[in-house]
N, C-alpha and C. Protein backbone atom coordinates (compact mmCIF):
# COMPACT_ATOMS: atom_id res chain seq x y z
N MET A 1 17.52 23.95 19.64
CA MET A 1 17.78 24.96 20.87
C MET A 1 18.41 26.04 19.88
N LEU A 2 19.29 25.73 18.98
CA LEU A 2 20.03 26.78 18.37
C LEU A 2 18.84 27.54 17.25
N ALA A 3 18.07 26.70 16.85
CA ALA A 3 17.02 27.35 15.97
C ALA A 3 16.14 28.42 16.63
N LYS A 4 15.88 28.17 17.92
CA LYS A 4 15.11 29.18 18.58
C LYS A 4 15.50 30.25 18.95
N ILE A 5 17.06 30.19 19.41
CA ILE A 5 17.83 31.35 19.69
C ILE A 5 17.83 32.27 18.30
N LEU A 6 18.28 31.62 17.10
CA LEU A 6 18.57 32.33 16.07
C LEU A 6 17.22 32.83 15.55
N GLY A 7 15.95 32.17 15.67
CA GLY A 7 14.72 32.56 15.45
C GLY A 7 14.38 33.98 16.28
N ALA A 8 14.60 33.89 17.45
CA ALA A 8 14.39 34.89 18.29
C ALA A 8 15.11 36.26 17.89
N LEU A 9 16.28 35.87 17.63
CA LEU A 9 17.20 37.18 17.25
C LEU A 9 16.66 37.66 15.78
N ALA A 10 16.24 36.89 15.04
CA ALA A 10 16.05 37.49 13.84
C ALA A 10 14.28 38.28 13.81
N GLY A 11 13.65 37.61 14.78
CA GLY A 11 12.26 38.28 15.32
C GLY A 11 12.58 39.47 15.84
N GLN A 12 13.39 39.58 16.71
CA GLN A 12 13.76 40.80 17.49
C GLN A 12 14.19 42.04 16.67
N LYS A 13 15.02 41.56 15.46
CA LYS A 13 15.68 42.48 14.42
C LYS A 13 14.48 43.19 13.57
N LEU A 14 13.63 41.96 13.13
CA LEU A 14 12.48 42.29 12.30
C LEU A 14 11.20 43.13 13.01
N ALA A 15 11.26 43.10 14.46
CA ALA A 15 10.46 43.87 15.23
C ALA A 15 10.78 45.38 15.17
N SER A 16 9.75 46.13 15.53
CA SER A 16 10.03 47.55 15.62
C SER A 16 10.71 47.88 16.79
N ARG A 17 10.98 49.10 17.12
CA ARG A 17 11.91 49.27 18.25
C ARG A 17 11.03 48.95 19.57
N ASN A 18 9.68 49.26 19.51
CA ASN A 18 8.93 49.18 20.66
C ASN A 18 8.63 47.76 21.12
N ASN A 19 8.48 46.90 20.06
CA ASN A 19 7.89 45.69 20.30
C ASN A 19 9.05 44.45 20.36
N LYS A 20 10.37 44.69 20.64
CA LYS A 20 11.27 43.68 20.46
C LYS A 20 11.15 42.33 21.21
N ALA A 21 10.41 42.60 22.43
CA ALA A 21 10.01 41.19 23.10
C ALA A 21 9.06 40.50 22.33
N THR A 22 8.04 41.18 21.61
CA THR A 22 7.06 40.09 20.94
C THR A 22 7.71 39.81 19.55
N GLY A 23 8.56 40.66 19.08
CA GLY A 23 9.35 40.00 18.04
C GLY A 23 10.07 38.70 18.19
N ALA A 24 10.79 38.79 19.51
CA ALA A 24 11.65 37.85 19.94
C ALA A 24 10.81 36.45 19.82
N LEU A 25 9.63 36.72 20.59
CA LEU A 25 8.82 35.49 20.98
C LEU A 25 8.10 34.88 19.66
N ILE A 26 7.78 35.81 18.66
CA ILE A 26 7.38 35.25 17.43
C ILE A 26 8.30 34.49 16.72
N GLY A 27 9.72 35.02 16.69
CA GLY A 27 10.73 34.30 16.08
C GLY A 27 11.25 33.14 16.71
N ALA A 28 11.13 32.91 17.79
CA ALA A 28 11.15 31.67 18.71
C ALA A 28 10.15 30.63 18.29
N ALA A 29 9.20 31.11 18.03
CA ALA A 29 7.77 30.18 17.67
C ALA A 29 8.04 29.84 16.21
N VAL A 30 8.67 30.46 15.36
CA VAL A 30 8.69 30.41 13.63
C VAL A 30 9.45 28.74 13.14
N PRO A 31 10.54 28.40 14.12
CA PRO A 31 11.08 27.10 13.80
C PRO A 31 10.10 25.89 14.15
N ILE A 32 9.52 26.06 15.24
CA ILE A 32 8.37 24.92 15.78
C ILE A 32 7.31 25.05 14.43
N ILE A 33 6.69 26.27 14.24
CA ILE A 33 5.67 25.94 13.05
C ILE A 33 6.20 25.41 11.79
N ALA A 34 7.41 25.99 11.45
CA ALA A 34 8.16 25.42 10.09
C ALA A 34 8.06 23.80 10.17
N ARG A 35 8.81 23.48 11.45
CA ARG A 35 9.00 22.03 11.42
C ARG A 35 7.52 21.37 11.47
N ARG A 36 6.53 21.66 11.95
CA ARG A 36 5.32 21.04 12.01
C ARG A 36 4.52 21.22 10.57
N GLY A 37 4.69 22.44 9.95
CA GLY A 37 3.79 22.69 8.67
C GLY A 37 4.61 22.59 7.40
N LEU A 38 5.76 22.80 7.39
CA LEU A 38 6.43 22.54 6.30
C LEU A 38 6.47 21.17 5.46
N GLY A 39 6.43 20.07 6.42
CA GLY A 39 6.64 18.92 6.06
C GLY A 39 5.31 18.56 4.95
N PRO A 40 4.21 18.52 5.50
CA PRO A 40 3.10 18.36 4.38
C PRO A 40 3.19 19.60 3.46
N LEU A 41 3.39 20.63 3.54
CA LEU A 41 3.44 21.45 2.30
C LEU A 41 4.62 21.15 1.30
N GLY A 42 5.74 20.69 1.82
CA GLY A 42 6.79 20.18 1.06
C GLY A 42 6.24 18.91 0.26
N LEU A 43 5.50 18.13 0.73
CA LEU A 43 4.94 17.00 0.15
C LEU A 43 4.05 17.30 -0.95
N ALA A 44 3.07 18.56 -0.69
CA ALA A 44 2.10 18.62 -1.68
C ALA A 44 2.99 19.30 -2.78
N LEU A 45 3.93 20.16 -2.58
CA LEU A 45 4.67 20.94 -3.63
C LEU A 45 5.33 19.84 -4.42
N GLY A 46 5.88 18.83 -3.82
CA GLY A 46 6.62 17.83 -4.55
C GLY A 46 5.66 16.90 -5.45
N ALA A 47 4.50 16.64 -4.95
CA ALA A 47 3.47 16.07 -5.86
C ALA A 47 2.98 16.69 -7.00
N GLY A 48 2.88 17.91 -6.77
CA GLY A 48 2.32 19.12 -7.67
C GLY A 48 3.46 19.14 -8.88
N TRP A 49 4.74 19.04 -8.33
CA TRP A 49 5.93 19.32 -9.23
C TRP A 49 6.01 18.00 -10.18
N LEU A 50 5.65 16.76 -9.69
CA LEU A 50 5.95 15.48 -10.35
C LEU A 50 4.49 15.51 -11.28
N ALA A 51 3.62 15.97 -10.71
CA ALA A 51 2.23 15.94 -11.73
C ALA A 51 2.40 16.79 -13.00
N LYS A 52 2.93 18.00 -12.73
CA LYS A 52 3.29 18.77 -13.64
C LYS A 52 4.21 18.21 -14.72
N LYS A 53 5.41 17.67 -14.24
CA LYS A 53 6.40 16.86 -15.28
C LYS A 53 5.55 15.88 -15.97
N GLY A 54 4.76 15.13 -15.36
CA GLY A 54 4.01 14.19 -16.08
C GLY A 54 3.32 14.47 -17.20
N TYR A 55 2.49 15.68 -16.86
CA TYR A 55 1.59 16.09 -17.66
C TYR A 55 2.41 16.90 -18.86
N ASP A 56 3.29 17.52 -18.59
CA ASP A 56 4.20 17.93 -19.71
C ASP A 56 4.71 17.15 -20.57
N LYS A 57 5.26 15.97 -19.86
CA LYS A 57 5.65 14.80 -20.87
C LYS A 57 4.57 14.16 -21.77
N TYR A 58 3.35 14.20 -21.33
CA TYR A 58 2.28 13.61 -22.04
C TYR A 58 2.00 14.46 -23.01
N GLN A 59 2.04 15.85 -22.81
CA GLN A 59 1.72 16.80 -23.92
C GLN A 59 2.72 17.04 -25.05
N ALA A 60 4.06 16.71 -24.87
CA ALA A 60 5.23 16.51 -25.76
C ALA A 60 4.88 15.37 -26.43
N ARG A 61 4.65 14.25 -26.00
CA ARG A 61 4.34 12.92 -26.50
C ARG A 61 3.03 13.04 -27.60
N GLU A 62 2.06 14.03 -27.18
CA GLU A 62 0.92 14.08 -28.06
C GLU A 62 1.12 14.98 -29.23
N ARG A 63 2.00 15.99 -28.79
CA ARG A 63 2.41 17.06 -29.97
C ARG A 63 3.21 16.08 -31.22
N THR A 64 4.14 15.23 -30.69
CA THR A 64 5.01 14.35 -31.68
C THR A 64 4.04 13.41 -32.62
N ARG A 65 2.93 12.87 -31.67
CA ARG A 65 2.08 12.09 -32.73
C ARG A 65 1.30 12.94 -33.59
N ALA A 66 0.93 14.16 -33.23
CA ALA A 66 -0.07 14.87 -34.19
C ALA A 66 0.92 15.51 -35.36
N ALA A 67 2.13 15.73 -35.25
CA ALA A 67 2.93 16.26 -36.27
C ALA A 67 3.45 15.32 -37.28
């Protein structure tokens, strides 16, 4: 509930002078969208980060073997 109110206030501030109601509605929807969409996005980003760390470790190990 508090996230919707804060999102509406932020959306209202971001909207132009003529579209304050539209900005408030968009701002109120942002927490709902973030709750649904950021979970899978965070999981994908975390998996990518782990894959990069593993690849970097593999490259470092190969460089020490070649030297």
